[in-house]
């Protein structure tokens, strides 16, 4: 059974930090690239960050989070991370983890991040 389980979301104040985790099971984690997406109320889901299957390539970041967010992974623990710092109210959204390999893709259920002004 394939699972991606995000955790680490919560309510923080502007300028604070959070680290999200995504734990995978049921598939070969180190064969899949990982992306973090987010969806704010009334908005479309957007790509936030991406990392290759072995974590050795250039990571991808949305312009809105460059310099503030860091994506990483630990393939020995089947876990991906999104370190978020200098959070802003506009970062408020549900954050989703996505595993991708070719046409195969899995999504997690999401974790809520709320940043108060």
C-alpha atoms as a PDB file:
ATOM      1  CA  UNK A   1       0.000   0.000   0.000  1.00  0.00           C
ATOM      2  CA  UNK A   2       1.512   3.276  -1.153  1.00  0.00           C
ATOM      3  CA  UNK A   3       1.539   6.050   1.417  1.00  0.00           C
ATOM      4  CA  UNK A   4       2.975   9.525   1.677  1.00  0.00           C
ATOM      5  CA  UNK A   5       2.351  11.074   5.066  1.00  0.00           C
ATOM      6  CA  UNK A   6       3.144  14.723   5.660  1.00  0.00           C
ATOM      7  CA  UNK A   7       3.599  16.213   9.106  1.00  0.00           C
ATOM      8  CA  UNK A   8       5.049  19.265  10.787  1.00  0.00           C
ATOM      9  CA  UNK A   9       2.480  21.855   9.825  1.00  0.00           C
ATOM     10  CA  UNK A  10       1.006  24.261  12.308  1.00  0.00           C
ATOM     11  CA  UNK A  11       0.291  27.845  13.253  1.00  0.00           C
ATOM     12  CA  UNK A  12       3.273  30.196  13.437  1.00  0.00           C
ATOM     13  CA  UNK A  13       3.869  33.922  13.397  1.00  0.00           C
ATOM     14  CA  UNK A  14       5.364  35.832  10.527  1.00  0.00           C
ATOM     15  CA  UNK A  15       9.141  35.447  10.441  1.00  0.00           C
ATOM     16  CA  UNK A  16       9.184  32.097  12.193  1.00  0.00           C
ATOM     17  CA  UNK A  17      10.241  28.723  10.807  1.00  0.00           C
ATOM     18  CA  UNK A  18       8.746  25.269  10.319  1.00  0.00           C
ATOM     19  CA  UNK A  19      10.052  22.004   8.932  1.00  0.00           C
ATOM     20  CA  UNK A  20       7.690  19.686   7.121  1.00  0.00           C
ATOM     21  CA  UNK A  21       8.339  15.971   6.768  1.00  0.00           C
ATOM     22  CA  UNK A  22       7.032  13.478   4.233  1.00  0.00           C
ATOM     23  CA  UNK A  23       7.393   9.809   5.094  1.00  0.00           C
ATOM     24  CA  UNK A  24       6.943   7.328   2.259  1.00  0.00           C
ATOM     25  CA  UNK A  25       6.066   3.654   2.231  1.00  0.00           C
ATOM     26  CA  UNK A  26       4.876   1.043  -0.214  1.00  0.00           C
ATOM     27  CA  UNK A  27       7.171   1.975  -3.109  1.00  0.00           C
ATOM     28  CA  UNK A  28      10.876   2.352  -3.862  1.00  0.00           C
ATOM     29  CA  UNK A  29      11.414   5.809  -2.471  1.00  0.00           C
ATOM     30  CA  UNK A  30      14.886   6.427  -3.888  1.00  0.00           C
ATOM     31  CA  UNK A  31      13.606   5.862  -7.439  1.00  0.00           C
ATOM     32  CA  UNK A  32      11.255   8.830  -7.181  1.00  0.00           C
ATOM     33  CA  UNK A  33      11.810  12.544  -7.370  1.00  0.00           C
ATOM     34  CA  UNK A  34       9.992  14.455  -4.653  1.00  0.00           C
ATOM     35  CA  UNK A  35       8.116  17.699  -4.929  1.00  0.00           C
ATOM     36  CA  UNK A  36       6.373  19.881  -2.406  1.00  0.00           C
ATOM     37  CA  UNK A  37       3.260  21.686  -3.581  1.00  0.00           C
ATOM     38  CA  UNK A  38       0.908  23.994  -1.740  1.00  0.00           C
ATOM     39  CA  UNK A  39      -2.648  25.160  -2.150  1.00  0.00           C
ATOM     40  CA  UNK A  40      -4.039  28.260  -0.527  1.00  0.00           C
ATOM     41  CA  UNK A  41      -7.800  28.805  -0.156  1.00  0.00           C
ATOM     42  CA  UNK A  42      -9.333  29.824  -3.462  1.00  0.00           C
ATOM     43  CA  UNK A  43      -6.101  29.325  -5.349  1.00  0.00           C
ATOM     44  CA  UNK A  44      -4.674  26.630  -7.576  1.00  0.00           C
ATOM     45  CA  UNK A  45      -2.134  24.165  -6.260  1.00  0.00           C
ATOM     46  CA  UNK A  46       1.389  25.351  -7.013  1.00  0.00           C
ATOM     47  CA  UNK A  47       4.816  23.764  -7.087  1.00  0.00           C
ATOM     48  CA  UNK A  48       7.012  24.993  -4.253  1.00  0.00           C
ATOM     49  CA  UNK A  49      10.163  22.881  -4.441  1.00  0.00           C
ATOM     50  CA  UNK A  50      11.551  19.745  -6.037  1.00  0.00           C
ATOM     51  CA  UNK A  51      14.466  17.370  -5.516  1.00  0.00           C
ATOM     52  CA  UNK A  52      15.820  14.541  -7.632  1.00  0.00           C
ATOM     53  CA  UNK A  53      15.625  10.891  -6.648  1.00  0.00           C
ATOM     54  CA  UNK A  54      19.163  10.789  -5.278  1.00  0.00           C
ATOM     55  CA  UNK A  55      19.147  14.363  -4.034  1.00  0.00           C
ATOM     56  CA  UNK A  56      22.347  15.191  -5.881  1.00  0.00           C
ATOM     57  CA  UNK A  57      20.983  17.429  -8.619  1.00  0.00           C
ATOM     58  CA  UNK A  58      20.013  21.060  -8.582  1.00  0.00           C
ATOM     59  CA  UNK A  59      16.938  21.538  -6.456  1.00  0.00           C
ATOM     60  CA  UNK A  60      13.991  23.445  -7.839  1.00  0.00           C
ATOM     61  CA  UNK A  61      12.287  26.319  -6.032  1.00  0.00           C
ATOM     62  CA  UNK A  62       9.434  28.643  -6.828  1.00  0.00           C
ATOM     63  CA  UNK A  63      10.579  32.249  -7.009  1.00  0.00           C
ATOM     64  CA  UNK A  64       8.340  33.096  -4.071  1.00  0.00           C
ATOM     65  CA  UNK A  65      10.276  30.793  -1.712  1.00  0.00           C
ATOM     66  CA  UNK A  66      13.856  31.005  -3.013  1.00  0.00           C
ATOM     67  CA  UNK A  67      16.270  31.807  -0.230  1.00  0.00           C
ATOM     68  CA  UNK A  68      13.702  30.921   2.458  1.00  0.00           C
ATOM     69  CA  UNK A  69      12.814  27.251   1.837  1.00  0.00           C
ATOM     70  CA  UNK A  70      15.135  24.259   1.553  1.00  0.00           C
ATOM     71  CA  UNK A  71      14.091  20.861   0.244  1.00  0.00           C
ATOM     72  CA  UNK A  72      16.046  17.762   1.242  1.00  0.00           C
ATOM     73  CA  UNK A  73      15.648  14.025   1.578  1.00  0.00           C
ATOM     74  CA  UNK A  74      17.018  11.097   3.517  1.00  0.00           C
ATOM     75  CA  UNK A  75      16.661   7.995   1.380  1.00  0.00           C
ATOM     76  CA  UNK A  76      17.783   5.786   4.257  1.00  0.00           C
ATOM     77  CA  UNK A  77      14.639   6.870   6.097  1.00  0.00           C
ATOM     78  CA  UNK A  78      12.294   7.182   3.110  1.00  0.00           C
ATOM     79  CA  UNK A  79      11.683  10.756   4.167  1.00  0.00           C
ATOM     80  CA  UNK A  80      11.691  14.140   2.488  1.00  0.00           C
ATOM     81  CA  UNK A  81      11.782  17.490   4.211  1.00  0.00           C
ATOM     82  CA  UNK A  82      10.868  21.075   3.541  1.00  0.00           C
ATOM     83  CA  UNK A  83      12.616  23.556   5.806  1.00  0.00           C
ATOM     84  CA  UNK A  84      10.736  26.820   5.770  1.00  0.00           C
ATOM     85  CA  UNK A  85      12.123  29.982   7.300  1.00  0.00           C
ATOM     86  CA  UNK A  86      11.152  33.652   7.349  1.00  0.00           C
ATOM     87  CA  UNK A  87       7.577  32.576   6.865  1.00  0.00           C
ATOM     88  CA  UNK A  88       5.071  35.095   5.570  1.00  0.00           C
ATOM     89  CA  UNK A  89       1.268  35.182   5.784  1.00  0.00           C
ATOM     90  CA  UNK A  90       1.177  34.468   2.043  1.00  0.00           C
ATOM     91  CA  UNK A  91       2.833  31.104   2.742  1.00  0.00           C
ATOM     92  CA  UNK A  92      -0.397  29.992   4.420  1.00  0.00           C
ATOM     93  CA  UNK A  93      -1.630  26.905   2.590  1.00  0.00           C
ATOM     94  CA  UNK A  94      -2.018  23.167   2.718  1.00  0.00           C
ATOM     95  CA  UNK A  95       1.344  21.661   1.789  1.00  0.00           C
ATOM     96  CA  UNK A  96       1.447  18.415  -0.156  1.00  0.00           C
ATOM     97  CA  UNK A  97       4.245  15.981  -0.851  1.00  0.00           C
ATOM     98  CA  UNK A  98       4.365  14.339  -4.295  1.00  0.00           C
ATOM     99  CA  UNK A  99       6.528  11.439  -5.463  1.00  0.00           C
ATOM    100  CA  UNK A 100       7.167  11.218  -9.204  1.00  0.00           C
ATOM    101  CA  UNK A 101       8.815   8.691 -11.491  1.00  0.00           C
ATOM    102  CA  UNK A 102       7.907   9.025 -15.131  1.00  0.00           C
ATOM    103  CA  UNK A 103       4.130   8.771 -15.377  1.00  0.00           C
ATOM    104  CA  UNK A 104       3.821   7.334 -11.899  1.00  0.00           C
ATOM    105  CA  UNK A 105       2.947   9.826  -9.179  1.00  0.00           C
ATOM    106  CA  UNK A 106       1.738   9.635  -5.620  1.00  0.00           C
ATOM    107  CA  UNK A 107       0.362  12.389  -3.388  1.00  0.00           C
ATOM    108  CA  UNK A 108       0.162  12.760   0.339  1.00  0.00           C
ATOM    109  CA  UNK A 109      -2.898  14.024   2.173  1.00  0.00           C
ATOM    110  CA  UNK A 110      -1.377  17.394   3.027  1.00  0.00           C
ATOM    111  CA  UNK A 111      -0.502  19.338   6.145  1.00  0.00           C
ATOM    112  CA  UNK A 112      -1.812  22.785   7.017  1.00  0.00           C
ATOM    113  CA  UNK A 113       0.591  25.684   7.494  1.00  0.00           C
ATOM    114  CA  UNK A 114      -0.851  28.913   8.800  1.00  0.00           C
ATOM    115  CA  UNK A 115       1.252  32.037   9.204  1.00  0.00           C
ATOM    116  CA  UNK A 116      -0.217  34.899  11.175  1.00  0.00           C
ATOM    117  CA  UNK A 117       0.844  38.489  10.602  1.00  0.00           C
END
